[in-house]
C-alpha cells in the first residue's frame, strides 16, 4: 500500500520513520552504523569539539523516505536541522517535499503517528482555503 505522508523523528542515535495514509501506517527505525557515532563536546580541545555530521546515516534516512509525498521532520536536538541541511545539499528533490521541521521530545511511535496525523490534517485544511 502506498503512503503519501511521512514523519521522521531523528536524533544522533536513531531515526524513527513512519509512512502513513488515513487507514494504514508502516514504521521503521534506522541507526547509524556505529551506535557510538553522535555529537559530543570534549573539554580542552581547540575548536567546537563536535564530531562531523554523519552523512552515511543521514543518507540512509533519506533513502528510506525518498518516495514520500509530504515529509515532516521532528526531533529533540540539532540532528533534525542537520538532516534537513543534508537533504538540501544531497537530496534536493526530497528536501522540496519537507513541509516543516519541528521540535518534539521523545514520543512513542504511537504518539508520533498521532502527532503527524493531526499536523497533516491541520495543514491540509489550511491549504484548501486558497
C-alpha atoms as a PDB file:
ATOM      1  CA  UNK A   1       0.000   0.000   0.000  1.00  0.00           C
ATOM      2  CA  UNK A   2       1.288   3.445  -0.843  1.00  0.00           C
ATOM      3  CA  UNK A   3       1.743   6.057   1.880  1.00  0.00           C
ATOM      4  CA  UNK A   4       1.700   9.735   0.975  1.00  0.00           C
ATOM      5  CA  UNK A   5       2.660  11.328   4.299  1.00  0.00           C
ATOM      6  CA  UNK A   6       5.799  10.638   6.312  1.00  0.00           C
ATOM      7  CA  UNK A   7       7.144  11.753   9.678  1.00  0.00           C
ATOM      8  CA  UNK A   8      10.793  11.379  10.633  1.00  0.00           C
ATOM      9  CA  UNK A   9      11.765  11.650  14.301  1.00  0.00           C
ATOM     10  CA  UNK A  10      15.543  11.895  14.358  1.00  0.00           C
ATOM     11  CA  UNK A  11      18.359  12.352  16.830  1.00  0.00           C
ATOM     12  CA  UNK A  12      22.022  11.373  16.624  1.00  0.00           C
ATOM     13  CA  UNK A  13      21.355   7.785  17.754  1.00  0.00           C
ATOM     14  CA  UNK A  14      18.336   6.733  15.713  1.00  0.00           C
ATOM     15  CA  UNK A  15      15.637   7.796  13.318  1.00  0.00           C
ATOM     16  CA  UNK A  16      12.017   6.638  13.502  1.00  0.00           C
ATOM     17  CA  UNK A  17      10.360   6.803  10.102  1.00  0.00           C
ATOM     18  CA  UNK A  18       6.592   6.405   9.871  1.00  0.00           C
ATOM     19  CA  UNK A  19       4.928   6.496   6.483  1.00  0.00           C
ATOM     20  CA  UNK A  20       1.145   6.621   6.596  1.00  0.00           C
ATOM     21  CA  UNK A  21      -2.166   7.342   4.963  1.00  0.00           C
ATOM     22  CA  UNK A  22      -5.559   7.695   6.697  1.00  0.00           C
ATOM     23  CA  UNK A  23      -6.022   3.929   7.132  1.00  0.00           C
ATOM     24  CA  UNK A  24      -2.561   2.428   7.390  1.00  0.00           C
ATOM     25  CA  UNK A  25       0.980   3.086   8.600  1.00  0.00           C
ATOM     26  CA  UNK A  26       4.399   1.499   8.329  1.00  0.00           C
ATOM     27  CA  UNK A  27       7.206   2.248  10.790  1.00  0.00           C
ATOM     28  CA  UNK A  28      10.923   1.585  10.681  1.00  0.00           C
ATOM     29  CA  UNK A  29      13.938   2.521  12.797  1.00  0.00           C
ATOM     30  CA  UNK A  30      17.299   3.461  11.297  1.00  0.00           C
ATOM     31  CA  UNK A  31      20.540   3.511  13.295  1.00  0.00           C
ATOM     32  CA  UNK A  32      23.974   4.842  12.373  1.00  0.00           C
ATOM     33  CA  UNK A  33      26.466   2.096  11.507  1.00  0.00           C
ATOM     34  CA  UNK A  34      28.175   2.663  14.850  1.00  0.00           C
ATOM     35  CA  UNK A  35      25.944   3.318  17.855  1.00  0.00           C
ATOM     36  CA  UNK A  36      28.771   5.459  19.274  1.00  0.00           C
ATOM     37  CA  UNK A  37      28.628   7.995  16.461  1.00  0.00           C
ATOM     38  CA  UNK A  38      26.988  11.113  17.810  1.00  0.00           C
ATOM     39  CA  UNK A  39      27.920  14.687  18.568  1.00  0.00           C
ATOM     40  CA  UNK A  40      29.895  15.262  21.722  1.00  0.00           C
ATOM     41  CA  UNK A  41      31.871  18.067  23.284  1.00  0.00           C
ATOM     42  CA  UNK A  42      35.329  17.447  24.640  1.00  0.00           C
ATOM     43  CA  UNK A  43      36.690  19.972  27.104  1.00  0.00           C
ATOM     44  CA  UNK A  44      40.138  21.385  26.475  1.00  0.00           C
ATOM     45  CA  UNK A  45      40.010  20.790  22.715  1.00  0.00           C
ATOM     46  CA  UNK A  46      40.590  23.628  20.268  1.00  0.00           C
ATOM     47  CA  UNK A  47      37.541  24.126  18.074  1.00  0.00           C
ATOM     48  CA  UNK A  48      33.947  23.204  18.702  1.00  0.00           C
ATOM     49  CA  UNK A  49      34.658  19.666  19.903  1.00  0.00           C
ATOM     50  CA  UNK A  50      31.791  18.418  17.733  1.00  0.00           C
ATOM     51  CA  UNK A  51      32.174  15.313  15.653  1.00  0.00           C
ATOM     52  CA  UNK A  52      31.425  15.796  11.952  1.00  0.00           C
ATOM     53  CA  UNK A  53      27.910  15.130  10.708  1.00  0.00           C
ATOM     54  CA  UNK A  54      27.223  11.507   9.882  1.00  0.00           C
ATOM     55  CA  UNK A  55      26.345  11.777   6.187  1.00  0.00           C
ATOM     56  CA  UNK A  56      26.068   7.999   5.732  1.00  0.00           C
ATOM     57  CA  UNK A  57      23.418   7.867   8.480  1.00  0.00           C
ATOM     58  CA  UNK A  58      21.520  10.846   7.086  1.00  0.00           C
ATOM     59  CA  UNK A  59      21.634   9.403   3.580  1.00  0.00           C
ATOM     60  CA  UNK A  60      20.204   6.114   4.890  1.00  0.00           C
ATOM     61  CA  UNK A  61      17.271   8.036   6.358  1.00  0.00           C
ATOM     62  CA  UNK A  62      16.875   9.987   3.097  1.00  0.00           C
ATOM     63  CA  UNK A  63      16.769   6.727   1.143  1.00  0.00           C
ATOM     64  CA  UNK A  64      14.017   5.456   3.453  1.00  0.00           C
ATOM     65  CA  UNK A  65      11.766   8.462   2.713  1.00  0.00           C
ATOM     66  CA  UNK A  66      12.551   9.010  -0.966  1.00  0.00           C
ATOM     67  CA  UNK A  67       9.037   8.035  -2.129  1.00  0.00           C
ATOM     68  CA  UNK A  68       7.047  10.073   0.424  1.00  0.00           C
ATOM     69  CA  UNK A  69       4.827  12.850  -0.905  1.00  0.00           C
ATOM     70  CA  UNK A  70       4.973  15.164   2.117  1.00  0.00           C
ATOM     71  CA  UNK A  71       7.505  14.895   4.925  1.00  0.00           C
ATOM     72  CA  UNK A  72       7.522  16.270   8.465  1.00  0.00           C
ATOM     73  CA  UNK A  73      10.900  16.184  10.257  1.00  0.00           C
ATOM     74  CA  UNK A  74      10.884  16.305  14.065  1.00  0.00           C
ATOM     75  CA  UNK A  75      13.257  15.628  16.919  1.00  0.00           C
ATOM     76  CA  UNK A  76      14.653  16.905  20.206  1.00  0.00           C
ATOM     77  CA  UNK A  77      18.113  18.016  19.106  1.00  0.00           C
ATOM     78  CA  UNK A  78      20.116  19.574  16.305  1.00  0.00           C
ATOM     79  CA  UNK A  79      20.056  16.349  14.299  1.00  0.00           C
ATOM     80  CA  UNK A  80      16.741  17.319  12.690  1.00  0.00           C
ATOM     81  CA  UNK A  81      18.310  20.512  11.334  1.00  0.00           C
ATOM     82  CA  UNK A  82      21.481  18.734  10.235  1.00  0.00           C
ATOM     83  CA  UNK A  83      19.351  16.137   8.444  1.00  0.00           C
ATOM     84  CA  UNK A  84      17.323  18.856   6.698  1.00  0.00           C
ATOM     85  CA  UNK A  85      20.567  20.572   5.660  1.00  0.00           C
ATOM     86  CA  UNK A  86      21.841  17.212   4.353  1.00  0.00           C
ATOM     87  CA  UNK A  87      18.678  16.850   2.274  1.00  0.00           C
ATOM     88  CA  UNK A  88      19.121  20.312   0.754  1.00  0.00           C
ATOM     89  CA  UNK A  89      22.683  19.501  -0.245  1.00  0.00           C
ATOM     90  CA  UNK A  90      22.479  15.828  -1.215  1.00  0.00           C
ATOM     91  CA  UNK A  91      18.786  15.159  -1.983  1.00  0.00           C
ATOM     92  CA  UNK A  92      17.096  18.417  -3.048  1.00  0.00           C
ATOM     93  CA  UNK A  93      14.096  16.591  -4.544  1.00  0.00           C
ATOM     94  CA  UNK A  94      13.343  15.115  -1.108  1.00  0.00           C
ATOM     95  CA  UNK A  95      14.048  18.436   0.649  1.00  0.00           C
ATOM     96  CA  UNK A  96      11.435  20.086  -1.565  1.00  0.00           C
ATOM     97  CA  UNK A  97       8.772  17.774  -0.093  1.00  0.00           C
ATOM     98  CA  UNK A  98       9.571  18.660   3.538  1.00  0.00           C
ATOM     99  CA  UNK A  99       6.652  20.699   4.850  1.00  0.00           C
ATOM    100  CA  UNK A 100       8.141  21.576   8.249  1.00  0.00           C
ATOM    101  CA  UNK A 101      10.872  20.897  10.799  1.00  0.00           C
ATOM    102  CA  UNK A 102       9.565  20.858  14.380  1.00  0.00           C
ATOM    103  CA  UNK A 103      10.938  20.284  17.885  1.00  0.00           C
ATOM    104  CA  UNK A 104       9.445  17.189  19.507  1.00  0.00           C
ATOM    105  CA  UNK A 105      10.845  15.428  22.569  1.00  0.00           C
ATOM    106  CA  UNK A 106      10.864  11.588  22.759  1.00  0.00           C
ATOM    107  CA  UNK A 107       7.383  10.254  21.900  1.00  0.00           C
ATOM    108  CA  UNK A 108       6.433   6.655  21.339  1.00  0.00           C
ATOM    109  CA  UNK A 109       5.743   5.633  17.739  1.00  0.00           C
ATOM    110  CA  UNK A 110       2.002   5.739  18.501  1.00  0.00           C
ATOM    111  CA  UNK A 111       2.256   9.282  19.856  1.00  0.00           C
ATOM    112  CA  UNK A 112       4.391  10.265  16.877  1.00  0.00           C
ATOM    113  CA  UNK A 113       1.835   8.914  14.407  1.00  0.00           C
ATOM    114  CA  UNK A 114      -0.987  10.726  16.234  1.00  0.00           C
ATOM    115  CA  UNK A 115       1.018  13.977  16.170  1.00  0.00           C
ATOM    116  CA  UNK A 116       1.734  13.570  12.434  1.00  0.00           C
ATOM    117  CA  UNK A 117      -1.877  12.783  11.523  1.00  0.00           C
ATOM    118  CA  UNK A 118      -3.038  15.834  13.465  1.00  0.00           C
ATOM    119  CA  UNK A 119      -0.351  18.016  11.860  1.00  0.00           C
ATOM    120  CA  UNK A 120      -1.161  16.947   8.307  1.00  0.00           C
ATOM    121  CA  UNK A 121      -4.934  17.222   8.862  1.00  0.00           C
ATOM    122  CA  UNK A 122      -4.472  20.829  10.007  1.00  0.00           C
ATOM    123  CA  UNK A 123      -2.009  21.514   7.189  1.00  0.00           C
ATOM    124  CA  UNK A 124      -4.425  20.104   4.607  1.00  0.00           C
ATOM    125  CA  UNK A 125      -7.256  22.301   5.957  1.00  0.00           C
ATOM    126  CA  UNK A 126      -5.045  25.396   5.684  1.00  0.00           C
ATOM    127  CA  UNK A 127      -4.069  24.644   2.107  1.00  0.00           C
ATOM    128  CA  UNK A 128      -7.659  24.170   0.938  1.00  0.00           C
ATOM    129  CA  UNK A 129      -8.534  27.756   1.925  1.00  0.00           C
ATOM    130  CA  UNK A 130      -6.993  29.495  -1.096  1.00  0.00           C
END
